[in-house]
Protein backbone atom coordinates (compact mmCIF):
# COMPACT_ATOMS: atom_id res chain seq x y z
CA MET A 1 100.03 -13.41 -39.34
CA ASN A 2 100.46 -17.11 -40.23
CA GLN A 3 99.16 -19.95 -38.09
CA GLU A 4 102.59 -20.80 -36.67
CA SER A 5 103.12 -17.24 -35.44
CA LEU A 6 99.63 -17.14 -33.96
CA PHE A 7 100.34 -20.34 -32.04
CA ILE A 8 103.64 -18.95 -30.71
CA PHE A 9 102.09 -15.69 -29.51
CA ALA A 10 99.11 -17.52 -28.00
CA SER A 11 101.45 -19.89 -26.14
CA ILE A 12 103.57 -17.03 -24.83
CA SER A 13 100.50 -15.07 -23.73
CA ALA A 14 99.09 -18.14 -21.92
CA ILE A 15 102.33 -18.79 -20.05
CA VAL A 16 102.89 -15.13 -19.15
CA SER A 17 99.27 -14.65 -18.00
CA PHE A 18 99.29 -17.76 -15.82
CA VAL A 19 102.72 -17.18 -14.28
CA LEU A 20 102.13 -13.45 -13.72
CA CYS A 21 98.74 -13.95 -12.07
CA PHE A 22 100.01 -16.90 -9.99
CA PHE A 23 103.03 -15.15 -8.50
CA LEU A 24 101.36 -11.75 -8.21
CA THR A 25 98.46 -13.37 -6.31
CA LYS A 26 100.95 -15.13 -4.05
CA TRP A 27 102.69 -11.81 -3.37
CA LEU A 28 99.39 -10.01 -2.84
CA ILE A 29 98.36 -12.45 -0.11
CA GLY A 30 101.34 -11.46 2.02
CA PHE A 31 101.16 -7.77 1.09
CA LEU A 32 97.46 -7.41 1.90
CA ILE A 33 97.89 -9.21 5.23
CA ARG A 34 100.75 -6.87 6.17
CA LYS A 35 98.61 -3.87 5.24
CA ASN A 36 95.69 -5.30 7.23
CA MET A 37 93.56 -5.33 4.07
CA THR A 38 91.51 -8.37 5.01
CA VAL A 39 87.84 -9.26 5.40
CA LEU A 40 86.13 -11.89 7.50
CA ASP A 41 84.99 -15.09 5.82
CA TYR A 42 81.47 -15.13 7.25
CA HIS A 43 80.67 -18.63 5.98
CA LYS A 44 83.14 -20.30 8.35
CA VAL A 45 82.61 -20.80 12.08
CA ASP A 46 85.99 -19.36 13.10
CA ARG A 47 85.56 -16.45 10.62
CA PRO A 48 89.17 -16.26 9.42
CA SER A 49 90.53 -13.01 7.99
CA ILE A 50 91.10 -13.37 4.24
CA PRO A 51 93.19 -10.89 2.21
CA ARG A 52 91.22 -8.85 -0.34
CA PRO A 53 91.31 -7.75 -3.15
CA GLY A 54 93.14 -10.09 -5.51
CA GLY A 55 91.74 -8.17 -8.47
CA PRO A 56 95.04 -6.45 -9.40
CA ALA A 57 96.61 -9.86 -10.09
CA ILE A 58 93.68 -10.86 -12.30
CA LEU A 59 93.74 -7.54 -14.11
CA ALA A 60 97.49 -7.69 -14.70
CA GLY A 61 97.34 -11.26 -15.99
CA ILE A 62 94.63 -10.53 -18.53
CA ILE A 63 95.99 -7.16 -19.71
CA ILE A 64 99.62 -8.29 -20.16
CA GLY A 65 98.56 -11.50 -21.90
CA GLU A 66 96.25 -9.63 -24.28
CA ALA A 67 98.96 -7.00 -24.87
CA ILE A 68 101.29 -9.76 -26.10
CA LEU A 69 98.64 -10.94 -28.56
CA PHE A 70 98.01 -7.37 -29.69
CA ALA A 71 101.73 -6.80 -30.25
CA GLY A 72 101.82 -9.84 -32.50
CA SER A 73 98.58 -9.23 -34.38
CA GLY A 74 97.67 -5.54 -34.21
CA SER A 75 94.05 -6.64 -33.81
CA TYR A 76 91.69 -3.78 -32.94
CA ALA A 77 89.33 -6.30 -31.34
CA ILE A 78 92.02 -7.24 -28.82
CA LEU A 79 92.77 -3.54 -28.26
CA ALA A 80 89.09 -3.02 -27.40
CA LEU A 81 89.26 -6.01 -25.04
CA ILE A 82 92.33 -4.56 -23.30
CA PHE A 83 90.80 -1.14 -22.71
CA CYS A 84 87.36 -2.43 -21.68
CA THR A 85 88.89 -4.79 -19.13
CA LEU A 86 91.39 -2.20 -17.89
CA ILE A 87 88.83 0.57 -17.41
CA SER A 88 86.34 -1.73 -15.69
CA GLY A 89 89.02 -3.29 -13.51
CA LEU A 90 90.28 0.12 -12.38
CA ILE A 91 86.74 1.12 -11.43
CA GLY A 92 86.57 -2.11 -9.44
CA ILE A 93 89.79 -1.22 -7.61
CA VAL A 94 88.31 2.16 -6.69
CA ASP A 95 85.23 0.33 -5.40
CA ASP A 96 87.43 -1.96 -3.30
CA LEU A 97 89.29 0.96 -1.75
CA LYS A 98 86.31 3.27 -1.43
CA THR A 99 82.90 1.63 -1.67
CA LEU A 100 80.87 3.04 -4.55
CA GLY A 101 77.10 3.25 -4.29
CA GLY A 102 74.64 0.87 -5.90
CA ILE A 103 73.98 3.41 -8.66
CA ALA A 104 77.41 5.05 -8.96
CA LYS A 105 79.23 1.81 -9.82
CA PRO A 106 77.00 0.74 -12.75
CA ALA A 107 76.99 4.33 -14.02
CA LEU A 108 80.80 4.47 -14.03
CA LEU A 109 81.00 1.05 -15.66
CA LEU A 110 79.16 2.44 -18.68
CA VAL A 111 82.56 3.87 -19.62
CA GLY A 112 83.84 0.30 -19.93
CA GLY A 113 81.99 -0.22 -23.20
CA VAL A 114 83.15 3.05 -24.77
CA PRO A 115 86.42 1.65 -26.25
CA ILE A 116 84.46 -0.86 -28.35
CA LEU A 117 82.22 1.85 -29.79
CA ALA A 118 85.08 4.32 -30.22
CA ILE A 119 87.27 1.90 -32.16
CA GLN A 120 84.34 0.77 -34.29
CA TYR A 121 83.48 4.41 -35.08
CA PHE A 122 86.99 5.69 -35.82
CA VAL A 123 88.21 2.51 -37.53
CA PRO A 124 85.13 1.06 -39.29
CA LYS A 125 87.22 -1.46 -41.24
CA ALA A 126 88.33 -3.01 -37.96
CA ASN A 127 84.93 -4.72 -37.57
CA VAL A 128 85.28 -4.92 -33.80
CA TYR A 129 81.69 -6.11 -33.58
CA ASN A 130 78.92 -7.23 -35.92
CA SER A 131 75.41 -5.85 -35.39
CA GLU A 132 73.91 -8.96 -37.02
CA PHE A 133 72.35 -11.10 -34.29
CA TYR A 134 72.00 -14.83 -35.02
CA LEU A 135 69.44 -17.07 -33.35
CA PRO A 136 69.08 -20.88 -33.48
CA LEU A 137 66.61 -22.20 -36.10
CA PHE A 138 66.52 -18.80 -37.86
CA HIS A 139 68.37 -18.76 -41.20
CA SER A 140 68.50 -14.98 -41.46
CA PRO A 141 70.14 -12.80 -38.80
CA ALA A 142 68.41 -9.89 -37.11
CA HIS A 143 69.91 -6.59 -38.27
CA ILE A 144 70.00 -4.07 -35.42
CA PRO A 145 72.65 -1.47 -36.41
CA LEU A 146 70.96 1.35 -34.48
CA ILE A 147 70.17 -0.56 -31.30
CA TYR A 148 73.33 -2.65 -31.07
CA PRO A 149 75.72 0.18 -30.02
CA LEU A 150 73.36 0.95 -27.13
CA LEU A 151 73.35 -2.72 -26.17
CA VAL A 152 77.16 -2.72 -26.26
CA LEU A 153 77.26 0.29 -23.95
CA ILE A 154 74.95 -1.19 -21.32
CA SER A 155 76.22 -4.76 -21.61
CA ILE A 156 79.47 -4.13 -19.73
CA PRO A 157 77.88 -2.76 -16.51
CA VAL A 158 75.13 -5.40 -16.72
CA VAL A 159 77.51 -8.34 -17.18
CA THR A 160 80.08 -7.10 -14.65
CA ASN A 161 77.45 -6.53 -11.96
CA THR A 162 75.82 -9.88 -12.76
CA ILE A 163 79.13 -11.71 -12.36
CA ASN A 164 79.83 -9.67 -9.22
CA THR A 165 76.64 -10.96 -7.58
CA ILE A 166 77.79 -14.57 -7.90
CA ASP A 167 80.97 -13.83 -5.92
CA VAL A 168 79.53 -15.10 -2.63
CA LEU A 169 81.53 -18.23 -1.74
CA ASN A 170 85.04 -19.60 -1.94
CA GLY A 171 86.06 -20.34 -5.52
CA VAL A 172 82.68 -19.62 -7.09
CA VAL A 173 83.28 -16.58 -9.31
CA SER A 174 86.63 -17.83 -10.69
CA GLY A 175 85.29 -21.35 -11.24
CA PHE A 176 82.09 -19.95 -12.71
CA ILE A 177 83.96 -17.85 -15.29
CA LEU A 178 86.22 -20.76 -16.22
CA ILE A 179 83.18 -22.92 -16.98
CA ALA A 180 81.22 -20.15 -18.75
CA CYS A 181 84.16 -19.38 -21.05
CA ILE A 182 84.17 -22.92 -22.48
CA PRO A 183 80.95 -22.69 -24.57
CA VAL A 184 81.80 -19.11 -25.60
CA THR A 185 85.18 -20.33 -26.87
CA PHE A 186 83.44 -23.19 -28.66
CA ASP A 187 80.96 -20.82 -30.32
CA ILE A 188 83.74 -18.50 -31.52
CA PHE A 189 85.61 -21.55 -32.84
CA LEU A 190 82.58 -22.53 -34.94
CA ARG A 191 82.42 -18.98 -36.29
CA VAL A 192 86.09 -19.14 -37.20
CA LEU A 193 85.37 -22.32 -39.17
CA ASP A 194 82.70 -20.44 -41.13
CA HIS A 195 85.02 -17.43 -41.58
CA LYS A 196 82.62 -15.25 -39.59
CA SER A 197 85.20 -14.49 -36.93
CA ASP A 198 88.93 -13.74 -36.89
CA PRO A 199 91.10 -16.54 -35.43
CA ILE A 200 92.91 -13.95 -33.29
CA VAL A 201 89.62 -13.28 -31.48
CA LEU A 202 89.45 -16.97 -30.57
CA LEU A 203 93.00 -16.81 -29.21
CA ALA A 204 92.09 -13.74 -27.14
CA MET A 205 90.30 -16.14 -24.80
CA VAL A 206 93.62 -17.82 -23.91
CA PRO A 207 94.94 -15.14 -21.47
CA ILE A 208 91.53 -14.96 -19.78
CA LEU A 209 91.42 -18.72 -19.19
CA ALA A 210 95.07 -18.84 -18.09
CA THR A 211 94.65 -15.95 -15.65
CA THR A 212 91.40 -17.25 -14.21
CA GLY A 213 92.87 -20.73 -13.81
CA ALA A 214 95.89 -19.36 -11.94
CA PHE A 215 93.73 -17.31 -9.59
CA PHE A 216 91.35 -20.22 -8.98
CA LEU A 217 94.21 -22.18 -7.41
CA PHE A 218 94.23 -19.64 -4.56
CA HIS A 219 90.52 -18.82 -4.58
CA ARG A 220 89.13 -22.36 -4.43
CA TYR A 221 87.80 -23.69 -1.13
CA PRO A 222 89.22 -22.85 1.37
CA SER A 223 90.16 -19.48 -0.13
CA LYS A 224 93.54 -17.94 0.57
CA ILE A 225 92.46 -14.67 -1.09
CA PHE A 226 89.26 -13.04 -2.33
CA PRO A 227 89.08 -11.33 -5.76
CA GLY A 228 87.12 -8.35 -4.49
CA ASP A 229 85.00 -6.22 -6.80
CA SER A 230 88.08 -5.45 -8.89
CA GLY A 231 88.57 -9.13 -9.63
CA SER A 232 84.96 -10.07 -10.36
CA ILE A 233 84.41 -6.90 -12.41
CA ALA A 234 87.59 -7.46 -14.45
CA LEU A 235 86.51 -11.04 -15.18
CA GLY A 236 82.99 -9.89 -16.06
CA ALA A 237 84.27 -7.15 -18.38
CA ALA A 238 86.65 -9.52 -20.17
CA TYR A 239 83.88 -12.11 -20.53
CA GLY A 240 81.32 -9.59 -21.81
CA THR A 241 83.76 -8.05 -24.27
CA MET A 242 84.74 -11.47 -25.63
CA ALA A 243 81.06 -12.20 -26.28
CA ILE A 244 80.74 -8.97 -28.26
CA ILE A 245 83.91 -9.15 -30.36
CA GLY A 246 83.39 -12.88 -30.94
CA GLY A 247 79.73 -12.59 -31.92
CA ALA A 248 78.81 -15.07 -29.17
CA GLU A 249 76.35 -12.90 -27.28
CA LEU A 250 73.48 -15.39 -27.01
CA VAL A 251 75.73 -18.28 -26.02
CA ALA A 252 77.42 -16.08 -23.40
CA VAL A 253 74.04 -15.18 -21.88
CA VAL A 254 72.92 -18.81 -21.66
CA ALA A 255 76.23 -19.80 -20.05
CA ILE A 256 75.80 -17.38 -17.12
CA LEU A 257 72.09 -18.02 -16.48
CA PRO A 258 72.68 -18.94 -12.79
CA ALA A 259 74.27 -15.53 -12.20
CA ILE A 260 71.53 -13.79 -14.18
CA LEU A 261 68.82 -15.51 -12.14
CA ASN A 262 70.66 -14.69 -8.91
CA SER A 263 70.84 -11.01 -9.91
CA PHE A 264 67.19 -10.99 -11.03
CA PHE A 265 65.90 -12.53 -7.79
CA PHE A 266 68.00 -10.12 -5.76
CA LEU A 267 66.78 -7.03 -7.62
CA SER A 268 63.15 -8.17 -7.69
CA THR A 269 63.08 -8.47 -3.90
CA MET A 270 65.22 -5.42 -3.06
CA LYS A 271 63.40 -3.21 -5.61
CA ARG A 272 66.53 -1.09 -6.08
CA LEU A 273 70.25 -1.21 -6.80
CA VAL A 274 72.10 -1.80 -3.56
CA GLU A 275 75.55 -3.04 -2.59
CA HIS A 276 75.65 -6.46 -0.90
CA ARG A 277 77.69 -4.91 1.90
CA GLN A 278 74.76 -2.58 2.67
CA ILE A 279 72.20 -5.34 3.19
CA LYS A 280 70.86 -5.35 6.76
CA ASN A 281 68.53 -8.35 6.49
CA GLN A 282 70.70 -11.35 5.70
CA PRO A 283 69.21 -14.12 3.50
CA THR A 284 71.26 -16.90 5.11
CA ALA A 285 72.71 -17.73 8.51
CA LEU A 286 75.63 -19.84 9.69
CA LEU A 287 74.88 -22.71 12.09
CA PRO A 288 77.28 -23.78 14.89
CA ASP A 289 78.28 -26.85 12.86
CA GLY A 290 79.46 -24.67 9.99
CA LYS A 291 76.51 -25.29 7.69
CA VAL A 292 74.52 -22.51 6.03
CA ILE A 293 70.73 -22.29 6.28
CA SER A 294 68.10 -19.94 4.89
CA THR A 295 66.70 -17.34 7.28
CA ASP A 296 63.00 -16.75 7.85
CA ASP A 297 63.35 -12.98 7.47
CA PRO A 298 60.71 -11.87 4.91
CA LYS A 299 62.66 -8.66 4.23
CA ALA A 300 65.84 -10.52 3.30
CA PRO A 301 66.59 -10.69 -0.44
CA VAL A 302 66.04 -13.88 -2.41
CA THR A 303 69.35 -15.18 -3.74
CA LEU A 304 70.54 -18.31 -5.49
CA MET A 305 72.39 -19.42 -2.36
CA ARG A 306 69.30 -18.90 -0.21
CA MET A 307 67.27 -21.10 -2.55
CA LEU A 308 69.90 -23.84 -2.51
CA VAL A 309 69.75 -24.06 1.29
CA ALA A 310 65.99 -23.47 1.62
CA ARG A 311 65.23 -27.17 2.07
CA SER A 312 68.20 -28.20 4.20
CA ALA A 313 71.41 -26.73 5.56
CA LEU A 314 74.55 -27.24 3.49
CA GLY A 315 78.26 -26.65 3.99
CA GLU A 316 79.93 -23.82 2.12
CA ASP A 317 81.87 -26.22 -0.10
CA GLU A 318 78.64 -28.10 -0.92
CA ILE A 319 76.85 -24.89 -1.94
CA ALA A 320 79.81 -23.84 -4.07
CA LYS A 321 79.80 -27.23 -5.82
CA ASP A 322 76.05 -26.95 -6.46
CA ILE A 323 76.47 -23.51 -8.05
CA LEU A 324 79.28 -24.80 -10.26
CA LYS A 325 77.13 -27.81 -11.20
CA LEU A 326 74.41 -25.39 -12.33
CA SER A 327 77.07 -23.56 -14.28
CA LEU A 328 78.08 -26.81 -16.01
CA TYR A 329 74.45 -27.52 -16.97
CA CYS A 330 74.09 -24.04 -18.43
CA ALA A 331 77.43 -24.36 -20.21
CA LEU A 332 76.09 -27.51 -21.87
CA LEU A 333 72.92 -25.66 -22.89
CA ALA A 334 75.05 -22.84 -24.23
CA ALA A 335 77.14 -25.28 -26.28
CA ILE A 336 73.94 -26.80 -27.71
CA THR A 337 72.77 -23.27 -28.58
CA ALA A 338 76.05 -22.69 -30.41
CA VAL A 339 75.69 -25.91 -32.41
CA LEU A 340 72.05 -25.19 -33.29
CA THR A 341 72.96 -21.71 -34.51
CA TRP A 342 75.91 -23.01 -36.50
CA THR A 343 74.01 -25.87 -38.15
CA THR A 344 71.09 -23.57 -39.00
CA LEU A 345 73.42 -21.17 -40.80
CA ALA A 346 75.14 -24.04 -42.60
CA ILE A 347 71.87 -25.31 -44.13
C-alpha cells in the first residue's frame, strides 16, 4: 500500500472511531440510565448515580477503526490487535455484568494474548512481534526467543489489570491512556524511520487515540459515564498489544509507571488478588466539604490516591489532575527512553 492510501485509510479509521465512540457513548448514557445500570460516584458528597459501563462504546470504536485499517492493509499485526482487544473487552463486559473473582479475571485474560502467538506461529512471515529486546545504551539487543512468547501471554492480563487499577476517579483512566500512548507512538515512529517497524503498525495507534479521546469528553470530571471494567480492560489490552507489535515494550512500561506503582502498592498490602469492589477497609474517606482524605485504618490497602492525600485533603478533580501530571512526567521519561534507545542503535 502506498503512502497516500495509508493516509486515506488512517483518516477514515480516525473519523469513524471518534464518531462511533462519541455517539455510541451518548446513546449508552441514556440506555444505561433507563435500564438502571448505574453506580454511585462515591467521591462526591451528593453521590450521584452514574451510568456504567461505557466499555462497549470504547470496544466498538477501537475494533471498527482497526478493521478499516486491516481491510486496507491486510496486516496480521492489526489482526492480532483486533482479536486481543476484542477478546479482552468481552471478558471485561462479562465482569461488568457478573463480577469475576480476583483470580478468575486474570486467568481468563490470558486468552487475550493467544491471537498474537497463534498468528506468529501459523504465519511466521507475518512478524507480528520481534523477540529481540532493545535497551538504552546497549548496542546489541537481548535475544529471548524462548521466553518472549511467555511474556506475551502474561503481558495482556498484567497490563489490563494494571490499567484497571488506575480507574478510580473521573477522567483518569481515559486521560491516562491518552497520555501514555504518546511516547509509545513516538517510539514506534522512530522504529519506522529505522525500518524496524511497519508504518501500518504506527497507524494502528490512530483508532485507539481517536476512540479514547471521544470517550474522554464524557468521562472527564464531572463524569457523565464510567468505562467499567470492559472499558479499562479494552484500553489496557489495546495499549499492551500495541507495545508488543510495535516493539515498544520498555517505553510502554515506563509510560504507565504510576499505574504499575499503584498496582504494586495495592498487591503488597493486600497480599492477594482481590477485586476493588470486595475491599472492606477503605483507604480514603470523603469529607463533608467534598474533599478526599486518607484513612487511618492500618488494614486498608496502600494506593496511589491514598498517598496523594496522605498529607492533606484534596478534591477529586485535584487528585485526578495530580495523577495525570504524574502520567505526563512518566510519558516524558518514556520519550527520553525511546530517544536513548534509538540513538544507541544508530551509533
